[in-house]
PDB file of all heavy atoms in Angstrom:
ATOM      1  N   GLY A   1       0.788  -1.216   0.000  1.00  0.00           N
ATOM      2  CA  GLY A   1       0.000   0.000   0.000  1.00  0.00           C
ATOM      3  C   GLY A   1       0.824   1.272   0.000  1.00  0.00           C
ATOM      4  O   GLY A   1       0.282   2.361   0.212  1.00  0.00           O
ATOM      5  N   ASN A   2       2.118   1.167  -0.262  1.00  0.00           N
ATOM      6  CA  ASN A   2       2.990   2.331  -0.236  1.00  0.00           C
ATOM      7  C   ASN A   2       3.018   3.107  -1.542  1.00  0.00           C
ATOM      8  O   ASN A   2       3.325   4.297  -1.537  1.00  0.00           O
ATOM      9  CB  ASN A   2       4.413   1.907   0.131  1.00  0.00           C
ATOM     10  CG  ASN A   2       4.505   1.340   1.530  1.00  0.00           C
ATOM     11  OD1 ASN A   2       3.987   1.932   2.481  1.00  0.00           O
ATOM     12  ND2 ASN A   2       5.162   0.196   1.667  1.00  0.00           N
ATOM     13  N   SER A   3       2.710   2.430  -2.643  1.00  0.00           N
ATOM     14  CA  SER A   3       2.705   3.078  -3.945  1.00  0.00           C
ATOM     15  C   SER A   3       1.339   2.917  -4.578  1.00  0.00           C
ATOM     16  O   SER A   3       0.787   1.811  -4.607  1.00  0.00           O
ATOM     17  CB  SER A   3       3.778   2.481  -4.858  1.00  0.00           C
ATOM     18  OG  SER A   3       5.073   2.713  -4.337  1.00  0.00           O
ATOM     19  N   THR A   4       0.814   4.011  -5.081  1.00  0.00           N
ATOM     20  CA  THR A   4      -0.499   3.993  -5.718  1.00  0.00           C
ATOM     21  C   THR A   4      -0.425   4.642  -7.086  1.00  0.00           C
ATOM     22  O   THR A   4       0.436   5.492  -7.342  1.00  0.00           O
ATOM     23  CB  THR A   4      -1.546   4.703  -4.854  1.00  0.00           C
ATOM     24  OG1 THR A   4      -1.114   6.050  -4.603  1.00  0.00           O
ATOM     25  CG2 THR A   4      -1.713   3.987  -3.520  1.00  0.00           C
ATOM     26  N   TYR A   5      -1.366   4.274  -7.939  1.00  0.00           N
ATOM     27  CA  TYR A   5      -1.368   4.706  -9.323  1.00  0.00           C
ATOM     28  C   TYR A   5      -2.804   4.961  -9.745  1.00  0.00           C
ATOM     29  O   TYR A   5      -3.710   4.222  -9.370  1.00  0.00           O
ATOM     30  CB  TYR A   5      -0.745   3.629 -10.225  1.00  0.00           C
ATOM     31  CG  TYR A   5       0.557   3.074  -9.686  1.00  0.00           C
ATOM     32  CD1 TYR A   5       0.559   2.017  -8.791  1.00  0.00           C
ATOM     33  CD2 TYR A   5       1.773   3.624 -10.061  1.00  0.00           C
ATOM     34  CE1 TYR A   5       1.747   1.514  -8.281  1.00  0.00           C
ATOM     35  CE2 TYR A   5       2.964   3.130  -9.563  1.00  0.00           C
ATOM     36  CZ  TYR A   5       2.943   2.076  -8.677  1.00  0.00           C
ATOM     37  OH  TYR A   5       4.127   1.585  -8.179  1.00  0.00           O
ATOM     38  N   TYR A   6      -3.001   6.017 -10.555  1.00  0.00           N
ATOM     39  CA  TYR A   6      -4.340   6.408 -10.954  1.00  0.00           C
ATOM     40  C   TYR A   6      -4.367   6.850 -12.407  1.00  0.00           C
ATOM     41  O   TYR A   6      -3.406   7.443 -12.913  1.00  0.00           O
ATOM     42  CB  TYR A   6      -4.845   7.578 -10.113  1.00  0.00           C
ATOM     43  CG  TYR A   6      -4.862   7.317  -8.636  1.00  0.00           C
ATOM     44  CD1 TYR A   6      -3.761   7.639  -7.848  1.00  0.00           C
ATOM     45  CD2 TYR A   6      -5.980   6.757  -8.025  1.00  0.00           C
ATOM     46  CE1 TYR A   6      -3.770   7.399  -6.479  1.00  0.00           C
ATOM     47  CE2 TYR A   6      -5.990   6.516  -6.658  1.00  0.00           C
ATOM     48  CZ  TYR A   6      -4.884   6.841  -5.899  1.00  0.00           C
ATOM     49  OH  TYR A   6      -4.896   6.605  -4.547  1.00  0.00           O
ATOM     50  N   ARG A   7      -5.484   6.587 -13.072  1.00  0.00           N
ATOM     51  CA  ARG A   7      -5.678   7.195 -14.367  1.00  0.00           C
ATOM     52  C   ARG A   7      -5.912   8.680 -14.152  1.00  0.00           C
ATOM     53  O   ARG A   7      -6.409   9.104 -13.104  1.00  0.00           O
ATOM     54  CB  ARG A   7      -6.815   6.537 -15.138  1.00  0.00           C
ATOM     55  CG  ARG A   7      -8.193   6.808 -14.602  1.00  0.00           C
ATOM     56  CD  ARG A   7      -9.273   6.146 -15.483  1.00  0.00           C
ATOM     57  NE  ARG A   7      -9.273   6.663 -16.837  1.00  0.00           N
ATOM     58  CZ  ARG A   7      -8.910   5.981 -17.908  1.00  0.00           C
ATOM     59  NH1 ARG A   7      -8.521   4.712 -17.804  1.00  0.00           N
ATOM     60  NH2 ARG A   7      -8.944   6.554 -19.108  1.00  0.00           N
ATOM     61  N   ASP A   8      -5.581   9.478 -15.153  1.00  0.00           N
ATOM     62  CA  ASP A   8      -5.600  10.921 -14.994  1.00  0.00           C
ATOM     63  C   ASP A   8      -6.963  11.467 -14.572  1.00  0.00           C
ATOM     64  O   ASP A   8      -7.045  12.404 -13.772  1.00  0.00           O
ATOM     65  CB  ASP A   8      -5.165  11.605 -16.293  1.00  0.00           C
ATOM     66  CG  ASP A   8      -3.683  11.473 -16.569  1.00  0.00           C
ATOM     67  OD1 ASP A   8      -2.934  11.124 -15.640  1.00  0.00           O
ATOM     68  OD2 ASP A   8      -3.273  11.729 -17.708  1.00  0.00           O
ATOM     69  N   SER A   9      -8.017  10.899 -15.091  1.00  0.00           N
ATOM     70  CA  SER A   9      -9.343  11.451 -14.856  1.00  0.00           C
ATOM     71  C   SER A   9      -9.828  11.315 -13.419  1.00  0.00           C
ATOM     72  O   SER A   9     -10.794  11.976 -13.034  1.00  0.00           O
ATOM     73  CB  SER A   9     -10.360  10.812 -15.803  1.00  0.00           C
ATOM     74  OG  SER A   9     -10.474   9.425 -15.574  1.00  0.00           O
ATOM     75  N   VAL A  10      -9.171  10.485 -12.617  1.00  0.00           N
ATOM     76  CA  VAL A  10      -9.600  10.310 -11.232  1.00  0.00           C
ATOM     77  C   VAL A  10      -8.576  10.819 -10.227  1.00  0.00           C
ATOM     78  O   VAL A  10      -8.849  10.801  -9.018  1.00  0.00           O
ATOM     79  CB  VAL A  10      -9.950   8.843 -10.915  1.00  0.00           C
ATOM     80  CG1 VAL A  10     -10.942   8.299 -11.927  1.00  0.00           C
ATOM     81  CG2 VAL A  10      -8.699   7.974 -10.858  1.00  0.00           C
ATOM     82  N   LYS A  11      -7.442  11.289 -10.693  1.00  0.00           N
ATOM     83  CA  LYS A  11      -6.421  11.797  -9.790  1.00  0.00           C
ATOM     84  C   LYS A  11      -6.954  12.965  -8.969  1.00  0.00           C
ATOM     85  O   LYS A  11      -7.592  13.866  -9.494  1.00  0.00           O
ATOM     86  CB  LYS A  11      -5.176  12.238 -10.569  1.00  0.00           C
ATOM     87  CG  LYS A  11      -4.360  11.088 -11.119  1.00  0.00           C
ATOM     88  CD  LYS A  11      -3.148  11.589 -11.884  1.00  0.00           C
ATOM     89  CE  LYS A  11      -2.322  10.432 -12.422  1.00  0.00           C
ATOM     90  NZ  LYS A  11      -1.170  10.901 -13.223  1.00  0.00           N
ATOM     91  N   GLY A  12      -6.682  12.921  -7.683  1.00  0.00           N
ATOM     92  CA  GLY A  12      -7.151  13.959  -6.789  1.00  0.00           C
ATOM     93  C   GLY A  12      -8.544  13.727  -6.261  1.00  0.00           C
ATOM     94  O   GLY A  12      -8.973  14.418  -5.328  1.00  0.00           O
ATOM     95  N   ARG A  13      -9.272  12.774  -6.835  1.00  0.00           N
ATOM     96  CA  ARG A  13     -10.632  12.488  -6.400  1.00  0.00           C
ATOM     97  C   ARG A  13     -10.761  11.093  -5.794  1.00  0.00           C
ATOM     98  O   ARG A  13     -11.535  10.890  -4.863  1.00  0.00           O
ATOM     99  CB  ARG A  13     -11.612  12.615  -7.567  1.00  0.00           C
ATOM    100  CG  ARG A  13     -11.634  14.003  -8.183  1.00  0.00           C
ATOM    101  CD  ARG A  13     -12.759  14.136  -9.209  1.00  0.00           C
ATOM    102  NE  ARG A  13     -12.594  13.211 -10.324  1.00  0.00           N
ATOM    103  CZ  ARG A  13     -13.462  12.251 -10.637  1.00  0.00           C
ATOM    104  NH1 ARG A  13     -14.569  12.086  -9.917  1.00  0.00           N
ATOM    105  NH2 ARG A  13     -13.240  11.468 -11.679  1.00  0.00           N
ATOM    106  N   PHE A  14     -10.023  10.135  -6.342  1.00  0.00           N
ATOM    107  CA  PHE A  14     -10.093   8.758  -5.874  1.00  0.00           C
ATOM    108  C   PHE A  14      -8.841   8.414  -5.072  1.00  0.00           C
ATOM    109  O   PHE A  14      -7.745   8.893  -5.372  1.00  0.00           O
ATOM    110  CB  PHE A  14     -10.185   7.786  -7.048  1.00  0.00           C
ATOM    111  CG  PHE A  14     -11.493   7.806  -7.795  1.00  0.00           C
ATOM    112  CD1 PHE A  14     -12.434   8.798  -7.604  1.00  0.00           C
ATOM    113  CD2 PHE A  14     -11.766   6.791  -8.703  1.00  0.00           C
ATOM    114  CE1 PHE A  14     -13.626   8.803  -8.308  1.00  0.00           C
ATOM    115  CE2 PHE A  14     -12.957   6.780  -9.407  1.00  0.00           C
ATOM    116  CZ  PHE A  14     -13.884   7.787  -9.209  1.00  0.00           C
ATOM    117  N   THR A  15      -9.011   7.558  -4.090  1.00  0.00           N
ATOM    118  CA  THR A  15      -7.895   7.064  -3.300  1.00  0.00           C
ATOM    119  C   THR A  15      -8.011   5.559  -3.150  1.00  0.00           C
ATOM    120  O   THR A  15      -9.006   5.055  -2.624  1.00  0.00           O
ATOM    121  CB  THR A  15      -7.858   7.710  -1.911  1.00  0.00           C
ATOM    122  OG1 THR A  15      -7.780   9.136  -2.033  1.00  0.00           O
ATOM    123  CG2 THR A  15      -6.644   7.213  -1.131  1.00  0.00           C
ATOM    124  N   ILE A  16      -7.001   4.858  -3.615  1.00  0.00           N
ATOM    125  CA  ILE A  16      -6.961   3.411  -3.459  1.00  0.00           C
ATOM    126  C   ILE A  16      -6.164   3.080  -2.198  1.00  0.00           C
ATOM    127  O   ILE A  16      -5.177   3.745  -1.880  1.00  0.00           O
ATOM    128  CB  ILE A  16      -6.351   2.734  -4.703  1.00  0.00           C
ATOM    129  CG1 ILE A  16      -6.519   1.210  -4.637  1.00  0.00           C
ATOM    130  CG2 ILE A  16      -4.895   3.118  -4.888  1.00  0.00           C
ATOM    131  CD1 ILE A  16      -6.126   0.504  -5.932  1.00  0.00           C
ATOM    132  N   SER A  17      -6.602   2.081  -1.479  1.00  0.00           N
ATOM    133  CA  SER A  17      -5.901   1.651  -0.279  1.00  0.00           C
ATOM    134  C   SER A  17      -6.169   0.172  -0.064  1.00  0.00           C
ATOM    135  O   SER A  17      -7.017  -0.431  -0.728  1.00  0.00           O
ATOM    136  CB  SER A  17      -6.326   2.470   0.945  1.00  0.00           C
ATOM    137  OG  SER A  17      -7.708   2.302   1.218  1.00  0.00           O
ATOM    138  N   ARG A  18      -5.427  -0.397   0.860  1.00  0.00           N
ATOM    139  CA  ARG A  18      -5.643  -1.806   1.168  1.00  0.00           C
ATOM    140  C   ARG A  18      -5.363  -2.055   2.635  1.00  0.00           C
ATOM    141  O   ARG A  18      -4.540  -1.377   3.259  1.00  0.00           O
ATOM    142  CB  ARG A  18      -4.765  -2.711   0.293  1.00  0.00           C
ATOM    143  CG  ARG A  18      -3.274  -2.560   0.529  1.00  0.00           C
ATOM    144  CD  ARG A  18      -2.469  -3.241  -0.574  1.00  0.00           C
ATOM    145  NE  ARG A  18      -2.648  -4.682  -0.579  1.00  0.00           N
ATOM    146  CZ  ARG A  18      -2.313  -5.485  -1.593  1.00  0.00           C
ATOM    147  NH1 ARG A  18      -1.790  -4.962  -2.700  1.00  0.00           N
ATOM    148  NH2 ARG A  18      -2.508  -6.798  -1.503  1.00  0.00           N
ATOM    149  N   ASP A  19      -6.039  -3.029   3.179  1.00  0.00           N
ATOM    150  CA  ASP A  19      -5.820  -3.482   4.543  1.00  0.00           C
ATOM    151  C   ASP A  19      -5.455  -4.955   4.440  1.00  0.00           C
ATOM    152  O   ASP A  19      -6.324  -5.814   4.289  1.00  0.00           O
ATOM    153  CB  ASP A  19      -7.061  -3.278   5.398  1.00  0.00           C
ATOM    154  CG  ASP A  19      -6.828  -3.592   6.865  1.00  0.00           C
ATOM    155  OD1 ASP A  19      -5.888  -4.349   7.176  1.00  0.00           O
ATOM    156  OD2 ASP A  19      -7.584  -3.075   7.706  1.00  0.00           O
ATOM    157  N   ASN A  20      -4.167  -5.234   4.499  1.00  0.00           N
ATOM    158  CA  ASN A  20      -3.717  -6.601   4.300  1.00  0.00           C
ATOM    159  C   ASN A  20      -4.150  -7.531   5.429  1.00  0.00           C
ATOM    160  O   ASN A  20      -4.288  -8.731   5.220  1.00  0.00           O
ATOM    161  CB  ASN A  20      -2.197  -6.632   4.137  1.00  0.00           C
ATOM    162  CG  ASN A  20      -1.743  -6.060   2.806  1.00  0.00           C
ATOM    163  OD1 ASN A  20      -2.492  -6.096   1.820  1.00  0.00           O
ATOM    164  ND2 ASN A  20      -0.535  -5.537   2.768  1.00  0.00           N
ATOM    165  N   ALA A  21      -4.347  -6.990   6.613  1.00  0.00           N
ATOM    166  CA  ALA A  21      -4.825  -7.806   7.721  1.00  0.00           C
ATOM    167  C   ALA A  21      -6.253  -8.278   7.505  1.00  0.00           C
ATOM    168  O   ALA A  21      -6.664  -9.297   8.058  1.00  0.00           O
ATOM    169  CB  ALA A  21      -4.722  -7.038   9.034  1.00  0.00           C
ATOM    170  N   LYS A  22      -7.004  -7.536   6.704  1.00  0.00           N
ATOM    171  CA  LYS A  22      -8.390  -7.887   6.420  1.00  0.00           C
ATOM    172  C   LYS A  22      -8.591  -8.428   5.017  1.00  0.00           C
ATOM    173  O   LYS A  22      -9.724  -8.696   4.615  1.00  0.00           O
ATOM    174  CB  LYS A  22      -9.290  -6.669   6.616  1.00  0.00           C
ATOM    175  CG  LYS A  22      -9.331  -6.143   8.038  1.00  0.00           C
ATOM    176  CD  LYS A  22     -10.252  -4.941   8.145  1.00  0.00           C
ATOM    177  CE  LYS A  22     -10.332  -4.438   9.570  1.00  0.00           C
ATOM    178  NZ  LYS A  22     -11.220  -3.261   9.691  1.00  0.00           N
ATOM    179  N   ASN A  23      -7.505  -8.577   4.276  1.00  0.00           N
ATOM    180  CA  ASN A  23      -7.590  -9.034   2.883  1.00  0.00           C
ATOM    181  C   ASN A  23      -8.595  -8.211   2.088  1.00  0.00           C
ATOM    182  O   ASN A  23      -9.400  -8.750   1.318  1.00  0.00           O
ATOM    183  CB  ASN A  23      -7.964 -10.513   2.824  1.00  0.00           C
ATOM    184  CG  ASN A  23      -6.806 -11.431   3.154  1.00  0.00           C
ATOM    185  OD1 ASN A  23      -5.740 -10.996   3.581  1.00  0.00           O
ATOM    186  ND2 ASN A  23      -7.015 -12.726   2.954  1.00  0.00           N
ATOM    187  N   THR A  24      -8.521  -6.907   2.256  1.00  0.00           N
ATOM    188  CA  THR A  24      -9.513  -6.038   1.653  1.00  0.00           C
ATOM    189  C   THR A  24      -8.863  -4.880   0.907  1.00  0.00           C
ATOM    190  O   THR A  24      -7.933  -4.250   1.410  1.00  0.00           O
ATOM    191  CB  THR A  24     -10.479  -5.489   2.708  1.00  0.00           C
ATOM    192  OG1 THR A  24     -11.106  -6.583   3.383  1.00  0.00           O
ATOM    193  CG2 THR A  24     -11.553  -4.637   2.060  1.00  0.00           C
ATOM    194  N   LEU A  25      -9.369  -4.619  -0.271  1.00  0.00           N
ATOM    195  CA  LEU A  25      -8.981  -3.494  -1.107  1.00  0.00           C
ATOM    196  C   LEU A  25     -10.104  -2.467  -1.079  1.00  0.00           C
ATOM    197  O   LEU A  25     -11.281  -2.833  -1.070  1.00  0.00           O
ATOM    198  CB  LEU A  25      -8.752  -3.980  -2.538  1.00  0.00           C
ATOM    199  CG  LEU A  25      -8.407  -2.936  -3.596  1.00  0.00           C
ATOM    200  CD1 LEU A  25      -6.986  -2.434  -3.396  1.00  0.00           C
ATOM    201  CD2 LEU A  25      -8.597  -3.527  -4.990  1.00  0.00           C
ATOM    202  N   TYR A  26      -9.731  -1.194  -1.089  1.00  0.00           N
ATOM    203  CA  TYR A  26     -10.717  -0.119  -1.041  1.00  0.00           C
ATOM    204  C   TYR A  26     -10.498   0.867  -2.175  1.00  0.00           C
ATOM    205  O   TYR A  26      -9.398   1.030  -2.688  1.00  0.00           O
ATOM    206  CB  TYR A  26     -10.623   0.654   0.273  1.00  0.00           C
ATOM    207  CG  TYR A  26     -10.804  -0.177   1.512  1.00  0.00           C
ATOM    208  CD1 TYR A  26      -9.699  -0.640   2.222  1.00  0.00           C
ATOM    209  CD2 TYR A  26     -12.069  -0.498   1.975  1.00  0.00           C
ATOM    210  CE1 TYR A  26      -9.856  -1.401   3.367  1.00  0.00           C
ATOM    211  CE2 TYR A  26     -12.239  -1.262   3.115  1.00  0.00           C
ATOM    212  CZ  TYR A  26     -11.130  -1.710   3.809  1.00  0.00           C
ATOM    213  OH  TYR A  26     -11.297  -2.465   4.942  1.00  0.00           O
ATOM    214  N   LEU A  27     -11.571   1.551  -2.532  1.00  0.00           N
ATOM    215  CA  LEU A  27     -11.483   2.691  -3.419  1.00  0.00           C
ATOM    216  C   LEU A  27     -12.412   3.769  -2.887  1.00  0.00           C
ATOM    217  O   LEU A  27     -13.632   3.639  -2.972  1.00  0.00           O
ATOM    218  CB  LEU A  27     -11.867   2.324  -4.857  1.00  0.00           C
ATOM    219  CG  LEU A  27     -11.666   3.435  -5.884  1.00  0.00           C
ATOM    220  CD1 LEU A  27     -10.178   3.730  -6.064  1.00  0.00           C
ATOM    221  CD2 LEU A  27     -12.300   3.066  -7.223  1.00  0.00           C
ATOM    222  N   GLN A  28     -11.816   4.804  -2.319  1.00  0.00           N
ATOM    223  CA  GLN A  28     -12.581   5.951  -1.866  1.00  0.00           C
ATOM    224  C   GLN A  28     -12.761   6.891  -3.043  1.00  0.00           C
ATOM    225  O   GLN A  28     -11.789   7.345  -3.637  1.00  0.00           O
ATOM    226  CB  GLN A  28     -11.855   6.666  -0.726  1.00  0.00           C
ATOM    227  CG  GLN A  28     -12.559   7.920  -0.220  1.00  0.00           C
ATOM    228  CD  GLN A  28     -13.864   7.614   0.468  1.00  0.00           C
ATOM    229  OE1 GLN A  28     -13.929   6.717   1.296  1.00  0.00           O
ATOM    230  NE2 GLN A  28     -14.913   8.347   0.116  1.00  0.00           N
ATOM    231  N   MET A  29     -13.997   7.195  -3.371  1.00  0.00           N
ATOM    232  CA  MET A  29     -14.313   8.029  -4.515  1.00  0.00           C
ATOM    233  C   MET A  29     -15.020   9.281  -4.033  1.00  0.00           C
ATOM    234  O   MET A  29     -16.122   9.201  -3.482  1.00  0.00           O
ATOM    235  CB  MET A  29     -15.186   7.270  -5.513  1.00  0.00           C
ATOM    236  CG  MET A  29     -14.583   5.956  -5.976  1.00  0.00           C
ATOM    237  SD  MET A  29     -15.584   5.139  -7.252  1.00  0.00           S
ATOM    238  CE  MET A  29     -17.067   4.801  -6.307  1.00  0.00           C
ATOM    239  N   ASN A  30     -14.386  10.414  -4.234  1.00  0.00           N
ATOM    240  CA  ASN A  30     -14.949  11.702  -3.858  1.00  0.00           C
ATOM    241  C   ASN A  30     -15.196  12.545  -5.095  1.00  0.00           C
ATOM    242  O   ASN A  30     -14.660  12.279  -6.164  1.00  0.00           O
ATOM    243  CB  ASN A  30     -14.005  12.445  -2.905  1.00  0.00           C
ATOM    244  CG  ASN A  30     -13.766  11.721  -1.610  1.00  0.00           C
ATOM    245  OD1 ASN A  30     -14.655  11.059  -1.083  1.00  0.00           O
ATOM    246  ND2 ASN A  30     -12.557  11.852  -1.074  1.00  0.00           N
TER     247      ASN A  30
END
């Protein structure tokens, strides 16, 4: 979860994250 990558159209609005202890990937979309 240290490096993240985004397509240009969502940069600054979306945030990808992960919780490896929960085996879960997230996408926060604002």
